[in-house]
Structures are given as structure tokens and as C-alpha cells.
C-alpha atoms as a PDB file:
ATOM      1  CA  MET A   1      14.629 -27.983 -68.385  1.00  0.00           C
ATOM      2  CA  GLU A   2      12.308 -25.009 -68.077  1.00  0.00           C
ATOM      3  CA  ILE A   3      13.792 -21.608 -67.168  1.00  0.00           C
ATOM      4  CA  LYS A   4      11.522 -19.472 -65.059  1.00  0.00           C
ATOM      5  CA  PRO A   5      11.988 -15.699 -65.242  1.00  0.00           C
ATOM      6  CA  LYS A   6      13.157 -14.074 -62.054  1.00  0.00           C
ATOM      7  CA  LYS A   7      10.580 -12.016 -60.250  1.00  0.00           C
ATOM      8  CA  THR A   8      11.502  -8.362 -60.169  1.00  0.00           C
ATOM      9  CA  PRO A   9      10.887  -6.844 -56.762  1.00  0.00           C
ATOM     10  CA  GLN A  10       8.192  -4.199 -56.820  1.00  0.00           C
ATOM     11  CA  ILE A  11       9.263  -0.845 -55.467  1.00  0.00           C
ATOM     12  CA  GLU A  12       6.613   1.648 -54.561  1.00  0.00           C
ATOM     13  CA  ILE A  13       7.670   5.264 -54.813  1.00  0.00           C
ATOM     14  CA  VAL A  14       5.630   7.744 -52.856  1.00  0.00           C
ATOM     15  CA  ALA A  15       6.293  11.352 -53.666  1.00  0.00           C
ATOM     16  CA  GLU A  16       4.544  14.390 -52.398  1.00  0.00           C
ATOM     17  CA  GLU A  17       3.702  16.713 -55.220  1.00  0.00           C
ATOM     18  CA  ALA A  18       3.724  20.389 -54.482  1.00  0.00           C
ATOM     19  CA  ASN A  19       0.711  22.094 -55.888  1.00  0.00           C
ATOM     20  CA  ASP A  20       2.147  24.928 -58.003  1.00  0.00           C
ATOM     21  CA  THR A  21      -0.972  26.992 -57.445  1.00  0.00           C
ATOM     22  CA  GLU A  22      -0.227  27.095 -53.700  1.00  0.00           C
ATOM     23  CA  ILE A  23       3.238  28.624 -54.132  1.00  0.00           C
ATOM     24  CA  SER A  24       3.525  32.032 -52.529  1.00  0.00           C
ATOM     25  CA  SER A  25       3.934  34.599 -55.302  1.00  0.00           C
ATOM     26  CA  ARG A  26       3.943  38.350 -55.857  1.00  0.00           C
ATOM     27  CA  VAL A  27       2.707  40.653 -58.602  1.00  0.00           C
ATOM     28  CA  VAL A  28       5.090  43.423 -59.643  1.00  0.00           C
ATOM     29  CA  LEU A  29       3.642  46.415 -61.476  1.00  0.00           C
ATOM     30  CA  TYR A  30       6.004  48.457 -63.671  1.00  0.00           C
ATOM     31  CA  ASN A  31       5.841  52.143 -64.521  1.00  0.00           C
ATOM     32  CA  ASP A  32       4.994  53.382 -67.991  1.00  0.00           C
ATOM     33  CA  ASP A  33       4.472  56.736 -69.675  1.00  0.00           C
ATOM     34  CA  TRP A  34       0.981  56.032 -71.054  1.00  0.00           C
ATOM     35  CA  HIS A  35      -1.396  55.526 -68.150  1.00  0.00           C
ATOM     36  CA  THR A  36      -2.707  58.234 -65.867  1.00  0.00           C
ATOM     37  CA  PHE A  37      -2.664  57.915 -62.096  1.00  0.00           C
ATOM     38  CA  ASP A  38      -6.453  57.561 -62.114  1.00  0.00           C
ATOM     39  CA  GLU A  39      -6.332  54.690 -64.624  1.00  0.00           C
ATOM     40  CA  VAL A  40      -3.720  52.828 -62.585  1.00  0.00           C
ATOM     41  CA  ILE A  41      -5.492  53.469 -59.278  1.00  0.00           C
ATOM     42  CA  ASN A  42      -8.848  52.285 -60.621  1.00  0.00           C
ATOM     43  CA  GLN A  43      -7.325  49.138 -62.117  1.00  0.00           C
ATOM     44  CA  LEU A  44      -5.451  48.362 -58.899  1.00  0.00           C
ATOM     45  CA  ILE A  45      -8.699  48.658 -56.931  1.00  0.00           C
ATOM     46  CA  LYS A  46     -10.408  46.334 -59.409  1.00  0.00           C
ATOM     47  CA  ALA A  47      -7.554  43.798 -59.450  1.00  0.00           C
ATOM     48  CA  THR A  48      -6.527  43.675 -55.797  1.00  0.00           C
ATOM     49  CA  LYS A  49      -9.766  44.728 -54.079  1.00  0.00           C
ATOM     50  CA  CYS A  50      -7.802  47.278 -52.060  1.00  0.00           C
ATOM     51  CA  GLY A  51      -9.054  50.709 -51.044  1.00  0.00           C
ATOM     52  CA  PHE A  52      -8.407  53.979 -52.839  1.00  0.00           C
ATOM     53  CA  GLU A  53      -5.624  55.092 -50.466  1.00  0.00           C
ATOM     54  CA  LYS A  54      -3.675  51.834 -50.820  1.00  0.00           C
ATOM     55  CA  ALA A  55      -4.055  51.886 -54.623  1.00  0.00           C
ATOM     56  CA  ARG A  56      -2.892  55.511 -54.682  1.00  0.00           C
ATOM     57  CA  ASP A  57       0.162  54.579 -52.570  1.00  0.00           C
ATOM     58  CA  TYR A  58       1.007  51.723 -54.962  1.00  0.00           C
ATOM     59  CA  ALA A  59       0.603  53.993 -57.998  1.00  0.00           C
ATOM     60  CA  PHE A  60       2.870  56.604 -56.434  1.00  0.00           C
ATOM     61  CA  GLU A  61       5.519  53.973 -55.557  1.00  0.00           C
ATOM     62  CA  VAL A  62       5.425  52.651 -59.134  1.00  0.00           C
ATOM     63  CA  HIS A  63       5.809  56.209 -60.443  1.00  0.00           C
ATOM     64  CA  VAL A  64       8.739  57.064 -58.150  1.00  0.00           C
ATOM     65  CA  LYS A  65      10.623  53.730 -58.026  1.00  0.00           C
ATOM     66  CA  GLY A  66       9.716  52.380 -61.460  1.00  0.00           C
ATOM     67  CA  LYS A  67       8.001  49.317 -60.003  1.00  0.00           C
ATOM     68  CA  ALA A  68       6.202  48.026 -56.910  1.00  0.00           C
ATOM     69  CA  ILE A  69       4.949  44.757 -55.494  1.00  0.00           C
ATOM     70  CA  VAL A  70       1.196  45.331 -55.525  1.00  0.00           C
ATOM     71  CA  PHE A  71      -0.082  41.902 -54.491  1.00  0.00           C
ATOM     72  CA  ASN A  72       1.038  38.830 -52.518  1.00  0.00           C
ATOM     73  CA  GLY A  73      -0.778  35.518 -52.665  1.00  0.00           C
ATOM     74  CA  SER A  74      -0.976  32.113 -54.297  1.00  0.00           C
ATOM     75  CA  LEU A  75       0.123  31.698 -57.886  1.00  0.00           C
ATOM     76  CA  ASN A  76      -3.515  31.385 -58.986  1.00  0.00           C
ATOM     77  CA  GLU A  77      -4.448  34.618 -57.198  1.00  0.00           C
ATOM     78  CA  CYS A  78      -1.450  36.391 -58.713  1.00  0.00           C
ATOM     79  CA  LEU A  79      -2.376  35.202 -62.201  1.00  0.00           C
ATOM     80  CA  THR A  80      -5.868  36.627 -61.718  1.00  0.00           C
ATOM     81  CA  VAL A  81      -4.585  39.974 -60.394  1.00  0.00           C
ATOM     82  CA  SER A  82      -2.004  40.236 -63.158  1.00  0.00           C
ATOM     83  CA  SER A  83      -4.546  39.510 -65.883  1.00  0.00           C
ATOM     84  CA  ILE A  84      -6.888  42.199 -64.551  1.00  0.00           C
ATOM     85  CA  LEU A  85      -4.071  44.754 -64.441  1.00  0.00           C
ATOM     86  CA  GLU A  86      -3.079  43.802 -67.980  1.00  0.00           C
ATOM     87  CA  GLU A  87      -6.644  44.397 -69.260  1.00  0.00           C
ATOM     88  CA  ILE A  88      -5.604  48.018 -69.793  1.00  0.00           C
ATOM     89  CA  ALA A  89      -2.078  47.066 -70.947  1.00  0.00           C
ATOM     90  CA  LEU A  90      -0.291  47.657 -67.654  1.00  0.00           C
ATOM     91  CA  ASN A  91       3.055  45.844 -67.509  1.00  0.00           C
ATOM     92  CA  THR A  92       3.255  43.216 -64.755  1.00  0.00           C
ATOM     93  CA  GLN A  93       5.426  40.316 -63.693  1.00  0.00           C
ATOM     94  CA  ILE A  94       4.718  37.443 -61.322  1.00  0.00           C
ATOM     95  CA  ILE A  95       7.614  36.345 -59.138  1.00  0.00           C
ATOM     96  CA  THR A  96       7.724  33.266 -56.934  1.00  0.00           C
END
């Protein structure tokens, strides 16, 4: 007598993967005692492509409050902005 193995039913699992780079994120810039307002303003303009007035407002908020959200966007965009700010050793954090 020959024993035939039972066929295992095939189950197809379909899962939607969230693309982590699409997650809405923010860049927080922290105050320090080493950088001048001009250095921070210039780096904010370079990193976020904002105008002088907006960068000056961010720099002032960081100075007064100790930190400020300086950019909102996808995780990839935030990583780029953060890395540009950190080129001059500014302290940043990305929050999702």
C-alpha cells in the first residue's frame, strides 16, 4: 500500500507595505552656544530653501525656545534637510 502525502492548501498573503520614505516627518533644530545667528540662518536657507525672513524666524525661535520644527516633509526629505543642517554641526532630530 502506497501512502500519498496530503496536499497542503496554498494560502496567498497579500500585504500592503508602507513605504517608510513616504511617512510624514519633521526636522527639529536645537539651540546651542556655538553658532551665530548668521551661520544658522544661512544653513537653514541652504537646507530648507526658505527665504531669509523665515530662516531668521526659525533661528530666533530656536534661540528663545531651545528648539523649533524647521521642516515638514517625507522622511527622505527630512533626512536631506537634517544632513545639510548637520554639515556645520547643528544639532537636529527627525520625528515621525
